[in-house]
């Protein structure tokens, strides 16, 4: 038997929502995570933030050993992003990173990514 007490701050349990998610469940997990973030920051939520965050989450769900802490790297570190995108199988997600995200100039990218970085 394993006793799990989420209110025990002295002995926190790590839970990686990105770990071993089957291909069929990835959209459901991504929607669940988006829903959590959306409820937490409803006053500062927008469609572009959700679109980029959803693509980041769906991307990282495909990559072994990803965690929620991989999201900022995905959004801000081009060499990390290129390495990850090269491993992506989903053509829609791959197209997002290669054509849409990379087409943003530095100012647009900063404006698009900053609200996400403030929440993750």
PDB file of N, CA and C in Angstrom:
ATOM      1  N   UNK A   1       0.839  -1.159   0.000  1.00  0.00           N
ATOM      2  CA  UNK A   1       0.000   0.000   0.000  1.00  0.00           C
ATOM      3  C   UNK A   1       0.897   1.240   0.000  1.00  0.00           C
ATOM      4  N   UNK A   2       0.492   2.229  -0.761  1.00  0.00           N
ATOM      5  CA  UNK A   2       1.194   3.509  -0.822  1.00  0.00           C
ATOM      6  C   UNK A   2       0.250   4.573  -0.296  1.00  0.00           C
ATOM      7  N   UNK A   3       0.747   5.344   0.654  1.00  0.00           N
ATOM      8  CA  UNK A   3      -0.045   6.424   1.237  1.00  0.00           C
ATOM      9  C   UNK A   3       0.403   7.728   0.601  1.00  0.00           C
ATOM     10  N   UNK A   4      -0.512   8.431  -0.014  1.00  0.00           N
ATOM     11  CA  UNK A   4      -0.217   9.682  -0.702  1.00  0.00           C
ATOM     12  C   UNK A   4      -1.013  10.798  -0.045  1.00  0.00           C
ATOM     13  N   UNK A   5      -0.296  11.767   0.514  1.00  0.00           N
ATOM     14  CA  UNK A   5      -0.953  12.896   1.181  1.00  0.00           C
ATOM     15  C   UNK A   5      -0.508  14.187   0.500  1.00  0.00           C
ATOM     16  N   UNK A   6      -1.349  14.750  -0.391  1.00  0.00           N
ATOM     17  CA  UNK A   6      -0.946  15.962  -1.106  1.00  0.00           C
ATOM     18  C   UNK A   6      -0.747  17.180  -0.210  1.00  0.00           C
ATOM     19  N   UNK A   7      -1.241  17.132   1.013  1.00  0.00           N
ATOM     20  CA  UNK A   7      -1.060  18.270   1.925  1.00  0.00           C
ATOM     21  C   UNK A   7       0.244  18.184   2.719  1.00  0.00           C
ATOM     22  N   UNK A   8       1.007  17.104   2.547  1.00  0.00           N
ATOM     23  CA  UNK A   8       2.270  16.922   3.256  1.00  0.00           C
ATOM     24  C   UNK A   8       3.390  17.658   2.516  1.00  0.00           C
ATOM     25  N   UNK A   9       3.698  18.868   2.971  1.00  0.00           N
ATOM     26  CA  UNK A   9       4.721  19.680   2.321  1.00  0.00           C
ATOM     27  C   UNK A   9       6.136  19.230   2.662  1.00  0.00           C
ATOM     28  N   UNK A  10       6.290  18.446   3.711  1.00  0.00           N
ATOM     29  CA  UNK A  10       7.616  17.971   4.097  1.00  0.00           C
ATOM     30  C   UNK A  10       8.099  16.840   3.193  1.00  0.00           C
ATOM     31  N   UNK A  11       7.160  16.090   2.630  1.00  0.00           N
ATOM     32  CA  UNK A  11       7.496  14.947   1.781  1.00  0.00           C
ATOM     33  C   UNK A  11       6.670  14.998   0.493  1.00  0.00           C
ATOM     34  N   UNK A  12       6.959  15.965  -0.369  1.00  0.00           N
ATOM     35  CA  UNK A  12       6.159  16.076  -1.598  1.00  0.00           C
ATOM     36  C   UNK A  12       6.431  14.916  -2.553  1.00  0.00           C
ATOM     37  N   UNK A  13       5.418  14.568  -3.293  1.00  0.00           N
ATOM     38  CA  UNK A  13       5.518  13.496  -4.281  1.00  0.00           C
ATOM     39  C   UNK A  13       5.641  14.139  -5.662  1.00  0.00           C
ATOM     40  N   UNK A  14       6.607  13.688  -6.429  1.00  0.00           N
ATOM     41  CA  UNK A  14       6.754  14.182  -7.795  1.00  0.00           C
ATOM     42  C   UNK A  14       5.791  13.426  -8.700  1.00  0.00           C
ATOM     43  N   UNK A  15       5.159  14.154  -9.570  1.00  0.00           N
ATOM     44  CA  UNK A  15       4.223  13.548 -10.512  1.00  0.00           C
ATOM     45  C   UNK A  15       4.462  14.182 -11.875  1.00  0.00           C
ATOM     46  N   UNK A  16       4.940  13.400 -12.818  1.00  0.00           N
ATOM     47  CA  UNK A  16       5.228  13.906 -14.151  1.00  0.00           C
ATOM     48  C   UNK A  16       4.076  13.556 -15.086  1.00  0.00           C
ATOM     49  N   UNK A  17       3.269  14.544 -15.412  1.00  0.00           N
ATOM     50  CA  UNK A  17       2.107  14.331 -16.274  1.00  0.00           C
ATOM     51  C   UNK A  17       2.503  14.054 -17.721  1.00  0.00           C
ATOM     52  N   UNK A  18       3.768  14.242 -18.053  1.00  0.00           N
ATOM     53  CA  UNK A  18       4.246  14.028 -19.415  1.00  0.00           C
ATOM     54  C   UNK A  18       4.803  12.611 -19.617  1.00  0.00           C
ATOM     55  N   UNK A  19       4.899  11.855 -18.558  1.00  0.00           N
ATOM     56  CA  UNK A  19       5.582  10.561 -18.608  1.00  0.00           C
ATOM     57  C   UNK A  19       4.688   9.447 -19.149  1.00  0.00           C
ATOM     58  N   UNK A  20       5.185   8.751 -20.171  1.00  0.00           N
ATOM     59  CA  UNK A  20       4.545   7.551 -20.718  1.00  0.00           C
ATOM     60  C   UNK A  20       3.069   7.731 -21.053  1.00  0.00           C
ATOM     61  N   UNK A  21       2.739   8.782 -21.764  1.00  0.00           N
ATOM     62  CA  UNK A  21       1.356   9.005 -22.185  1.00  0.00           C
ATOM     63  C   UNK A  21       1.190   8.379 -23.568  1.00  0.00           C
ATOM     64  N   UNK A  22       0.235   7.471 -23.696  1.00  0.00           N
ATOM     65  CA  UNK A  22       0.025   6.808 -24.984  1.00  0.00           C
ATOM     66  C   UNK A  22      -0.431   7.819 -26.032  1.00  0.00           C
ATOM     67  N   UNK A  23      -0.174   7.498 -27.277  1.00  0.00           N
ATOM     68  CA  UNK A  23      -0.510   8.381 -28.392  1.00  0.00           C
ATOM     69  C   UNK A  23      -1.994   8.756 -28.377  1.00  0.00           C
ATOM     70  N   UNK A  24      -2.837   7.799 -28.045  1.00  0.00           N
ATOM     71  CA  UNK A  24      -4.285   8.024 -28.041  1.00  0.00           C
ATOM     72  C   UNK A  24      -4.716   9.001 -26.951  1.00  0.00           C
ATOM     73  N   UNK A  25      -3.985   9.036 -25.845  1.00  0.00           N
ATOM     74  CA  UNK A  25      -4.375   9.881 -24.713  1.00  0.00           C
ATOM     75  C   UNK A  25      -3.720  11.261 -24.716  1.00  0.00           C
ATOM     76  N   UNK A  26      -2.782  11.500 -25.607  1.00  0.00           N
ATOM     77  CA  UNK A  26      -2.070  12.790 -25.607  1.00  0.00           C
ATOM     78  C   UNK A  26      -2.999  13.994 -25.755  1.00  0.00           C
ATOM     79  N   UNK A  27      -3.959  13.973 -26.690  1.00  0.00           N
ATOM     80  CA  UNK A  27      -4.867  15.130 -26.778  1.00  0.00           C
ATOM     81  C   UNK A  27      -5.681  15.346 -25.500  1.00  0.00           C
ATOM     82  N   UNK A  28      -6.078  14.270 -24.855  1.00  0.00           N
ATOM     83  CA  UNK A  28      -6.842  14.371 -23.609  1.00  0.00           C
ATOM     84  C   UNK A  28      -5.981  14.956 -22.486  1.00  0.00           C
ATOM     85  N   UNK A  29      -4.753  14.487 -22.363  1.00  0.00           N
ATOM     86  CA  UNK A  29      -3.838  15.005 -21.339  1.00  0.00           C
ATOM     87  C   UNK A  29      -3.544  16.483 -21.604  1.00  0.00           C
ATOM     88  N   UNK A  30      -3.291  16.823 -22.859  1.00  0.00           N
ATOM     89  CA  UNK A  30      -3.020  18.225 -23.205  1.00  0.00           C
ATOM     90  C   UNK A  30      -4.224  19.100 -22.864  1.00  0.00           C
ATOM     91  N   UNK A  31      -5.421  18.647 -23.192  1.00  0.00           N
ATOM     92  CA  UNK A  31      -6.631  19.418 -22.875  1.00  0.00           C
ATOM     93  C   UNK A  31      -6.810  19.576 -21.375  1.00  0.00           C
ATOM     94  N   UNK A  32      -6.510  18.528 -20.624  1.00  0.00           N
ATOM     95  CA  UNK A  32      -6.607  18.602 -19.168  1.00  0.00           C
ATOM     96  C   UNK A  32      -5.644  19.620 -18.583  1.00  0.00           C
ATOM     97  N   UNK A  33      -4.408  19.594 -19.056  1.00  0.00           N
ATOM     98  CA  UNK A  33      -3.413  20.560 -18.573  1.00  0.00           C
ATOM     99  C   UNK A  33      -3.795  21.984 -18.966  1.00  0.00           C
ATOM    100  N   UNK A  34      -4.244  22.158 -20.197  1.00  0.00           N
ATOM    101  CA  UNK A  34      -4.694  23.483 -20.647  1.00  0.00           C
ATOM    102  C   UNK A  34      -5.845  23.957 -19.770  1.00  0.00           C
ATOM    103  N   UNK A  35      -6.775  23.061 -19.466  1.00  0.00           N
ATOM    104  CA  UNK A  35      -7.911  23.416 -18.613  1.00  0.00           C
ATOM    105  C   UNK A  35      -7.477  23.878 -17.229  1.00  0.00           C
ATOM    106  N   UNK A  36      -6.487  23.210 -16.667  1.00  0.00           N
ATOM    107  CA  UNK A  36      -5.970  23.599 -15.344  1.00  0.00           C
ATOM    108  C   UNK A  36      -5.369  25.001 -15.409  1.00  0.00           C
ATOM    109  N   UNK A  37      -4.498  25.226 -16.390  1.00  0.00           N
ATOM    110  CA  UNK A  37      -3.882  26.546 -16.538  1.00  0.00           C
ATOM    111  C   UNK A  37      -4.938  27.619 -16.789  1.00  0.00           C
ATOM    112  N   UNK A  38      -5.908  27.296 -17.618  1.00  0.00           N
ATOM    113  CA  UNK A  38      -6.948  28.268 -17.974  1.00  0.00           C
ATOM    114  C   UNK A  38      -7.762  28.685 -16.753  1.00  0.00           C
ATOM    115  N   UNK A  39      -8.075  27.727 -15.886  1.00  0.00           N
ATOM    116  CA  UNK A  39      -8.818  28.051 -14.657  1.00  0.00           C
ATOM    117  C   UNK A  39      -7.973  28.895 -13.705  1.00  0.00           C
ATOM    118  N   UNK A  40      -6.683  28.606 -13.644  1.00  0.00           N
ATOM    119  CA  UNK A  40      -5.805  29.344 -12.737  1.00  0.00           C
ATOM    120  C   UNK A  40      -5.606  30.791 -13.185  1.00  0.00           C
ATOM    121  N   UNK A  41      -5.551  31.014 -14.479  1.00  0.00           N
ATOM    122  CA  UNK A  41      -5.255  32.348 -15.011  1.00  0.00           C
ATOM    123  C   UNK A  41      -6.329  32.812 -15.987  1.00  0.00           C
ATOM    124  N   UNK A  42      -7.586  32.613 -15.633  1.00  0.00           N
ATOM    125  CA  UNK A  42      -8.702  32.962 -16.523  1.00  0.00           C
ATOM    126  C   UNK A  42      -8.679  34.431 -16.935  1.00  0.00           C
ATOM    127  N   UNK A  43      -8.266  35.302 -16.036  1.00  0.00           N
ATOM    128  CA  UNK A  43      -8.281  36.742 -16.329  1.00  0.00           C
ATOM    129  C   UNK A  43      -7.239  37.161 -17.362  1.00  0.00           C
ATOM    130  N   UNK A  44      -6.214  36.357 -17.526  1.00  0.00           N
ATOM    131  CA  UNK A  44      -5.152  36.734 -18.468  1.00  0.00           C
ATOM    132  C   UNK A  44      -4.947  35.665 -19.545  1.00  0.00           C
ATOM    133  N   UNK A  45      -6.019  34.989 -19.901  1.00  0.00           N
ATOM    134  CA  UNK A  45      -5.945  33.901 -20.875  1.00  0.00           C
ATOM    135  C   UNK A  45      -6.355  34.409 -22.246  1.00  0.00           C
ATOM    136  N   UNK A  46      -5.730  33.882 -23.274  1.00  0.00           N
ATOM    137  CA  UNK A  46      -6.097  34.273 -24.626  1.00  0.00           C
ATOM    138  C   UNK A  46      -5.915  33.127 -25.600  1.00  0.00           C
ATOM    139  N   UNK A  47      -6.512  33.245 -26.788  1.00  0.00           N
ATOM    140  CA  UNK A  47      -6.444  32.153 -27.761  1.00  0.00           C
ATOM    141  C   UNK A  47      -5.031  31.870 -28.273  1.00  0.00           C
ATOM    142  N   UNK A  48      -4.211  32.908 -28.445  1.00  0.00           N
ATOM    143  CA  UNK A  48      -2.846  32.667 -28.928  1.00  0.00           C
ATOM    144  C   UNK A  48      -2.021  31.944 -27.876  1.00  0.00           C
ATOM    145  N   UNK A  49      -2.158  32.363 -26.617  1.00  0.00           N
ATOM    146  CA  UNK A  49      -1.467  31.689 -25.513  1.00  0.00           C
ATOM    147  C   UNK A  49      -1.852  30.209 -25.504  1.00  0.00           C
ATOM    148  N   UNK A  50      -3.147  29.938 -25.593  1.00  0.00           N
ATOM    149  CA  UNK A  50      -3.618  28.552 -25.553  1.00  0.00           C
ATOM    150  C   UNK A  50      -3.103  27.749 -26.740  1.00  0.00           C
ATOM    151  N   UNK A  51      -3.111  28.339 -27.914  1.00  0.00           N
ATOM    152  CA  UNK A  51      -2.668  27.659 -29.127  1.00  0.00           C
ATOM    153  C   UNK A  51      -1.192  27.260 -29.034  1.00  0.00           C
ATOM    154  N   UNK A  52      -0.363  28.187 -28.611  1.00  0.00           N
ATOM    155  CA  UNK A  52       1.073  27.898 -28.505  1.00  0.00           C
ATOM    156  C   UNK A  52       1.346  26.908 -27.380  1.00  0.00           C
ATOM    157  N   UNK A  53       0.701  27.100 -26.232  1.00  0.00           N
ATOM    158  CA  UNK A  53       0.903  26.188 -25.107  1.00  0.00           C
ATOM    159  C   UNK A  53       0.436  24.782 -25.454  1.00  0.00           C
ATOM    160  N   UNK A  54      -0.704  24.663 -26.132  1.00  0.00           N
ATOM    161  CA  UNK A  54      -1.211  23.339 -26.533  1.00  0.00           C
ATOM    162  C   UNK A  54      -0.205  22.641 -27.452  1.00  0.00           C
ATOM    163  N   UNK A  55       0.341  23.359 -28.408  1.00  0.00           N
ATOM    164  CA  UNK A  55       1.333  22.754 -29.300  1.00  0.00           C
ATOM    165  C   UNK A  55       2.595  22.358 -28.551  1.00  0.00           C
ATOM    166  N   UNK A  56       3.012  23.167 -27.594  1.00  0.00           N
ATOM    167  CA  UNK A  56       4.191  22.820 -26.791  1.00  0.00           C
ATOM    168  C   UNK A  56       3.934  21.553 -25.979  1.00  0.00           C
ATOM    169  N   UNK A  57       2.770  21.470 -25.352  1.00  0.00           N
ATOM    170  CA  UNK A  57       2.443  20.292 -24.540  1.00  0.00           C
ATOM    171  C   UNK A  57       2.336  19.049 -25.417  1.00  0.00           C
ATOM    172  N   UNK A  58       1.603  19.145 -26.528  1.00  0.00           N
ATOM    173  CA  UNK A  58       1.469  17.986 -27.421  1.00  0.00           C
ATOM    174  C   UNK A  58       2.826  17.539 -27.957  1.00  0.00           C
ATOM    175  N   UNK A  59       3.693  18.479 -28.217  1.00  0.00           N
ATOM    176  CA  UNK A  59       5.044  18.155 -28.680  1.00  0.00           C
ATOM    177  C   UNK A  59       5.803  17.378 -27.616  1.00  0.00           C
ATOM    178  N   UNK A  60       5.815  17.901 -26.418  1.00  0.00           N
ATOM    179  CA  UNK A  60       6.610  17.293 -25.348  1.00  0.00           C
ATOM    180  C   UNK A  60       6.034  15.967 -24.874  1.00  0.00           C
ATOM    181  N   UNK A  61       4.744  15.751 -25.068  1.00  0.00           N
ATOM    182  CA  UNK A  61       4.162  14.451 -24.726  1.00  0.00           C
ATOM    183  C   UNK A  61       4.713  13.343 -25.622  1.00  0.00           C
ATOM    184  N   UNK A  62       5.226  13.703 -26.789  1.00  0.00           N
ATOM    185  CA  UNK A  62       5.825  12.719 -27.699  1.00  0.00           C
ATOM    186  C   UNK A  62       7.264  12.370 -27.323  1.00  0.00           C
ATOM    187  N   UNK A  63       7.882  13.205 -26.515  1.00  0.00           N
ATOM    188  CA  UNK A  63       9.320  13.079 -26.250  1.00  0.00           C
ATOM    189  C   UNK A  63       9.564  12.460 -24.876  1.00  0.00           C
ATOM    190  N   UNK A  64      10.250  11.314 -24.819  1.00  0.00           N
ATOM    191  CA  UNK A  64      10.547  10.698 -23.520  1.00  0.00           C
ATOM    192  C   UNK A  64      11.338  11.647 -22.611  1.00  0.00           C
ATOM    193  N   UNK A  65      11.093  11.528 -21.333  1.00  0.00           N
ATOM    194  CA  UNK A  65      11.777  12.292 -20.284  1.00  0.00           C
ATOM    195  C   UNK A  65      11.431  13.780 -20.267  1.00  0.00           C
ATOM    196  N   UNK A  66      10.397  14.187 -20.974  1.00  0.00           N
ATOM    197  CA  UNK A  66       9.955  15.581 -20.903  1.00  0.00           C
ATOM    198  C   UNK A  66       9.199  15.810 -19.606  1.00  0.00           C
ATOM    199  N   UNK A  67       9.232  17.044 -19.148  1.00  0.00           N
ATOM    200  CA  UNK A  67       8.461  17.451 -17.975  1.00  0.00           C
ATOM    201  C   UNK A  67       7.845  18.811 -18.284  1.00  0.00           C
ATOM    202  N   UNK A  68       7.058  19.296 -17.362  1.00  0.00           N
ATOM    203  CA  UNK A  68       6.477  20.628 -17.532  1.00  0.00           C
ATOM    204  C   UNK A  68       7.576  21.686 -17.612  1.00  0.00           C
ATOM    205  N   UNK A  69       8.718  21.392 -17.024  1.00  0.00           N
ATOM    206  CA  UNK A  69       9.850  22.321 -17.066  1.00  0.00           C
ATOM    207  C   UNK A  69      10.502  22.377 -18.449  1.00  0.00           C
ATOM    208  N   UNK A  70      10.107  21.487 -19.344  1.00  0.00           N
ATOM    209  CA  UNK A  70      10.619  21.523 -20.718  1.00  0.00           C
ATOM    210  C   UNK A  70       9.908  22.579 -21.558  1.00  0.00           C
ATOM    211  N   UNK A  71       8.746  23.045 -21.102  1.00  0.00           N
ATOM    212  CA  UNK A  71       7.978  24.029 -21.875  1.00  0.00           C
ATOM    213  C   UNK A  71       8.771  25.317 -22.084  1.00  0.00           C
ATOM    214  N   UNK A  72       9.329  25.940 -21.028  1.00  0.00           N
ATOM    215  CA  UNK A  72      10.110  27.161 -21.271  1.00  0.00           C
ATOM    216  C   UNK A  72      11.283  26.947 -22.231  1.00  0.00           C
ATOM    217  N   UNK A  73      11.947  25.807 -22.122  1.00  0.00           N
ATOM    218  CA  UNK A  73      13.046  25.505 -23.046  1.00  0.00           C
ATOM    219  C   UNK A  73      12.536  25.415 -24.480  1.00  0.00           C
ATOM    220  N   UNK A  74      11.409  24.772 -24.650  1.00  0.00           N
ATOM    221  CA  UNK A  74      10.823  24.614 -25.981  1.00  0.00           C
ATOM    222  C   UNK A  74      10.522  25.971 -26.611  1.00  0.00           C
ATOM    223  N   UNK A  75      10.099  26.899 -25.797  1.00  0.00           N
ATOM    224  CA  UNK A  75       9.674  28.203 -26.300  1.00  0.00           C
ATOM    225  C   UNK A  75      10.813  29.216 -26.444  1.00  0.00           C
ATOM    226  N   UNK A  76      11.910  29.018 -25.727  1.00  0.00           N
ATOM    227  CA  UNK A  76      12.957  30.044 -25.709  1.00  0.00           C
ATOM    228  C   UNK A  76      14.315  29.596 -26.240  1.00  0.00           C
ATOM    229  N   UNK A  77      14.551  28.305 -26.317  1.00  0.00           N
ATOM    230  CA  UNK A  77      15.864  27.806 -26.717  1.00  0.00           C
ATOM    231  C   UNK A  77      15.757  27.160 -28.100  1.00  0.00           C
ATOM    232  N   UNK A  78      16.221  27.873 -29.107  1.00  0.00           N
ATOM    233  CA  UNK A  78      16.056  27.401 -30.488  1.00  0.00           C
ATOM    234  C   UNK A  78      16.744  26.065 -30.739  1.00  0.00           C
ATOM    235  N   UNK A  79      17.949  25.866 -30.234  1.00  0.00           N
ATOM    236  CA  UNK A  79      18.648  24.597 -30.481  1.00  0.00           C
ATOM    237  C   UNK A  79      17.915  23.433 -29.822  1.00  0.00           C
ATOM    238  N   UNK A  80      17.391  23.651 -28.616  1.00  0.00           N
ATOM    239  CA  UNK A  80      16.583  22.618 -27.952  1.00  0.00           C
ATOM    240  C   UNK A  80      15.339  22.329 -28.788  1.00  0.00           C
ATOM    241  N   UNK A  81      14.662  23.389 -29.232  1.00  0.00           N
ATOM    242  CA  UNK A  81      13.429  23.249 -30.008  1.00  0.00           C
ATOM    243  C   UNK A  81      13.682  22.480 -31.305  1.00  0.00           C
ATOM    244  N   UNK A  82      14.748  22.819 -32.016  1.00  0.00           N
ATOM    245  CA  UNK A  82      15.060  22.128 -33.272  1.00  0.00           C
ATOM    246  C   UNK A  82      15.339  20.648 -33.043  1.00  0.00           C
ATOM    247  N   UNK A  83      16.039  20.345 -31.957  1.00  0.00           N
ATOM    248  CA  UNK A  83      16.326  18.947 -31.624  1.00  0.00           C
ATOM    249  C   UNK A  83      15.027  18.184 -31.351  1.00  0.00           C
ATOM    250  N   UNK A  84      14.124  18.808 -30.611  1.00  0.00           N
ATOM    251  CA  UNK A  84      12.849  18.168 -30.272  1.00  0.00           C
ATOM    252  C   UNK A  84      11.979  18.015 -31.515  1.00  0.00           C
ATOM    253  N   UNK A  85      11.873  19.070 -32.303  1.00  0.00           N
ATOM    254  CA  UNK A  85      11.011  19.041 -33.495  1.00  0.00           C
ATOM    255  C   UNK A  85      11.481  17.974 -34.484  1.00  0.00           C
ATOM    256  N   UNK A  86      12.765  17.730 -34.549  1.00  0.00           N
ATOM    257  CA  UNK A  86      13.280  16.696 -35.458  1.00  0.00           C
ATOM    258  C   UNK A  86      12.792  15.298 -35.074  1.00  0.00           C
ATOM    259  N   UNK A  87      12.341  15.133 -33.841  1.00  0.00           N
ATOM    260  CA  UNK A  87      11.866  13.831 -33.358  1.00  0.00           C
ATOM    261  C   UNK A  87      10.343  13.687 -33.430  1.00  0.00           C
ATOM    262  N   UNK A  88       9.638  14.754 -33.764  1.00  0.00           N
ATOM    263  CA  UNK A  88       8.180  14.750 -33.758  1.00  0.00           C
ATOM    264  C   UNK A  88       7.641  13.964 -34.946  1.00  0.00           C
ATOM    265  N   UNK A  89       6.655  13.115 -34.689  1.00  0.00           N
ATOM    266  CA  UNK A  89       6.023  12.333 -35.750  1.00  0.00           C
ATOM    267  C   UNK A  89       4.755  12.992 -36.280  1.00  0.00           C
ATOM    268  N   UNK A  90       4.040  13.708 -35.438  1.00  0.00           N
ATOM    269  CA  UNK A  90       2.772  14.322 -35.839  1.00  0.00           C
ATOM    270  C   UNK A  90       3.040  15.458 -36.836  1.00  0.00           C
ATOM    271  N   UNK A  91       2.556  15.338 -38.085  1.00  0.00           N
ATOM    272  CA  UNK A  91       2.869  16.351 -39.096  1.00  0.00           C
ATOM    273  C   UNK A  91       2.253  17.723 -38.806  1.00  0.00           C
ATOM    274  N   UNK A  92       1.126  17.759 -38.135  1.00  0.00           N
ATOM    275  CA  UNK A  92       0.476  19.035 -37.821  1.00  0.00           C
ATOM    276  C   UNK A  92       1.295  19.803 -36.788  1.00  0.00           C
ATOM    277  N   UNK A  93       1.741  19.102 -35.759  1.00  0.00           N
ATOM    278  CA  UNK A  93       2.559  19.743 -34.724  1.00  0.00           C
ATOM    279  C   UNK A  93       3.907  20.162 -35.309  1.00  0.00           C
ATOM    280  N   UNK A  94       4.482  19.296 -36.108  1.00  0.00           N
ATOM    281  CA  UNK A  94       5.771  19.605 -36.743  1.00  0.00           C
ATOM    282  C   UNK A  94       5.644  20.861 -37.611  1.00  0.00           C
ATOM    283  N   UNK A  95       4.566  20.956 -38.373  1.00  0.00           N
ATOM    284  CA  UNK A  95       4.333  22.118 -39.233  1.00  0.00           C
ATOM    285  C   UNK A  95       4.177  23.399 -38.405  1.00  0.00           C
ATOM    286  N   UNK A  96       3.504  23.286 -37.251  1.00  0.00           N
ATOM    287  CA  UNK A  96       3.359  24.457 -36.385  1.00  0.00           C
ATOM    288  C   UNK A  96       4.728  25.045 -36.046  1.00  0.00           C
ATOM    289  N   UNK A  97       5.648  24.189 -35.580  1.00  0.00           N
ATOM    290  CA  UNK A  97       6.969  24.678 -35.157  1.00  0.00           C
ATOM    291  C   UNK A  97       7.803  25.156 -36.337  1.00  0.00           C
ATOM    292  N   UNK A  98       7.796  24.404 -37.420  1.00  0.00           N
ATOM    293  CA  UNK A  98       8.667  24.726 -38.553  1.00  0.00           C
ATOM    294  C   UNK A  98       8.167  25.916 -39.379  1.00  0.00           C
ATOM    295  N   UNK A  99       6.850  26.068 -39.495  1.00  0.00           N
ATOM    296  CA  UNK A  99       6.329  27.116 -40.371  1.00  0.00           C
ATOM    297  C   UNK A  99       5.728  28.298 -39.613  1.00  0.00           C
ATOM    298  N   UNK A 100       4.916  28.025 -38.607  1.00  0.00           N
ATOM    299  CA  UNK A 100       4.260  29.124 -37.892  1.00  0.00           C
ATOM    300  C   UNK A 100       5.170  29.769 -36.850  1.00  0.00           C
ATOM    301  N   UNK A 101       5.674  28.953 -35.931  1.00  0.00           N
ATOM    302  CA  UNK A 101       6.456  29.506 -34.827  1.00  0.00           C
ATOM    303  C   UNK A 101       7.752  30.134 -35.328  1.00  0.00           C
ATOM    304  N   UNK A 102       8.456  29.456 -36.203  1.00  0.00           N
ATOM    305  CA  UNK A 102       9.734  29.977 -36.709  1.00  0.00           C
ATOM    306  C   UNK A 102       9.542  31.208 -37.590  1.00  0.00           C
ATOM    307  N   UNK A 103       8.334  31.429 -38.107  1.00  0.00           N
ATOM    308  CA  UNK A 103       8.069  32.601 -38.943  1.00  0.00           C
ATOM    309  C   UNK A 103       7.909  33.882 -38.124  1.00  0.00           C
ATOM    310  N   UNK A 104       7.735  33.742 -36.813  1.00  0.00           N
ATOM    311  CA  UNK A 104       7.591  34.921 -35.958  1.00  0.00           C
ATOM    312  C   UNK A 104       8.922  35.659 -35.864  1.00  0.00           C
ATOM    313  N   UNK A 105       8.866  36.990 -35.946  1.00  0.00           N
ATOM    314  CA  UNK A 105      10.098  37.740 -35.702  1.00  0.00           C
ATOM    315  C   UNK A 105      10.322  37.805 -34.188  1.00  0.00           C
ATOM    316  N   UNK A 106      11.459  38.347 -33.777  1.00  0.00           N
ATOM    317  CA  UNK A 106      11.825  38.326 -32.351  1.00  0.00           C
ATOM    318  C   UNK A 106      10.786  39.027 -31.478  1.00  0.00           C
ATOM    319  N   UNK A 107      10.269  40.157 -31.938  1.00  0.00           N
ATOM    320  CA  UNK A 107       9.273  40.896 -31.162  1.00  0.00           C
ATOM    321  C   UNK A 107       7.982  40.088 -31.016  1.00  0.00           C
ATOM    322  N   UNK A 108       7.513  39.512 -32.120  1.00  0.00           N
ATOM    323  CA  UNK A 108       6.296  38.698 -32.080  1.00  0.00           C
ATOM    324  C   UNK A 108       6.480  37.479 -31.180  1.00  0.00           C
ATOM    325  N   UNK A 109       7.654  36.864 -31.275  1.00  0.00           N
ATOM    326  CA  UNK A 109       7.922  35.684 -30.459  1.00  0.00           C
ATOM    327  C   UNK A 109       7.917  36.044 -28.976  1.00  0.00           C
ATOM    328  N   UNK A 110       8.550  37.147 -28.634  1.00  0.00           N
ATOM    329  CA  UNK A 110       8.575  37.593 -27.238  1.00  0.00           C
ATOM    330  C   UNK A 110       7.164  37.869 -26.734  1.00  0.00           C
ATOM    331  N   UNK A 111       6.364  38.555 -27.544  1.00  0.00           N
ATOM    332  CA  UNK A 111       4.983  38.861 -27.160  1.00  0.00           C
ATOM    333  C   UNK A 111       4.138  37.601 -27.008  1.00  0.00           C
ATOM    334  N   UNK A 112       4.393  36.607 -27.846  1.00  0.00           N
ATOM    335  CA  UNK A 112       3.617  35.372 -27.802  1.00  0.00           C
ATOM    336  C   UNK A 112       4.030  34.465 -26.646  1.00  0.00           C
ATOM    337  N   UNK A 113       5.319  34.450 -26.342  1.00  0.00           N
ATOM    338  CA  UNK A 113       5.866  33.500 -25.376  1.00  0.00           C
ATOM    339  C   UNK A 113       5.837  34.030 -23.940  1.00  0.00           C
ATOM    340  N   UNK A 114       6.012  35.310 -23.752  1.00  0.00           N
ATOM    341  CA  UNK A 114       6.086  35.880 -22.396  1.00  0.00           C
ATOM    342  C   UNK A 114       4.901  35.516 -21.503  1.00  0.00           C
ATOM    343  N   UNK A 115       3.657  35.618 -21.975  1.00  0.00           N
ATOM    344  CA  UNK A 115       2.538  35.250 -21.098  1.00  0.00           C
ATOM    345  C   UNK A 115       2.572  33.777 -20.670  1.00  0.00           C
ATOM    346  N   UNK A 116       3.080  32.926 -21.538  1.00  0.00           N
ATOM    347  CA  UNK A 116       3.171  31.498 -21.194  1.00  0.00           C
ATOM    348  C   UNK A 116       4.252  31.290 -20.140  1.00  0.00           C
ATOM    349  N   UNK A 117       5.391  31.932 -20.332  1.00  0.00           N
ATOM    350  CA  UNK A 117       6.495  31.783 -19.382  1.00  0.00           C
ATOM    351  C   UNK A 117       6.111  32.290 -17.998  1.00  0.00           C
ATOM    352  N   UNK A 118       5.247  33.273 -17.930  1.00  0.00           N
ATOM    353  CA  UNK A 118       4.782  33.787 -16.637  1.00  0.00           C
ATOM    354  C   UNK A 118       3.882  32.798 -15.906  1.00  0.00           C
ATOM    355  N   UNK A 119       3.354  31.826 -16.628  1.00  0.00           N
ATOM    356  CA  UNK A 119       2.394  30.900 -16.032  1.00  0.00           C
ATOM    357  C   UNK A 119       2.963  29.505 -15.768  1.00  0.00           C
ATOM    358  N   UNK A 120       4.012  29.152 -16.470  1.00  0.00           N
ATOM    359  CA  UNK A 120       4.565  27.795 -16.331  1.00  0.00           C
ATOM    360  C   UNK A 120       5.621  27.786 -15.244  1.00  0.00           C
TER     361      UNK A 120
END
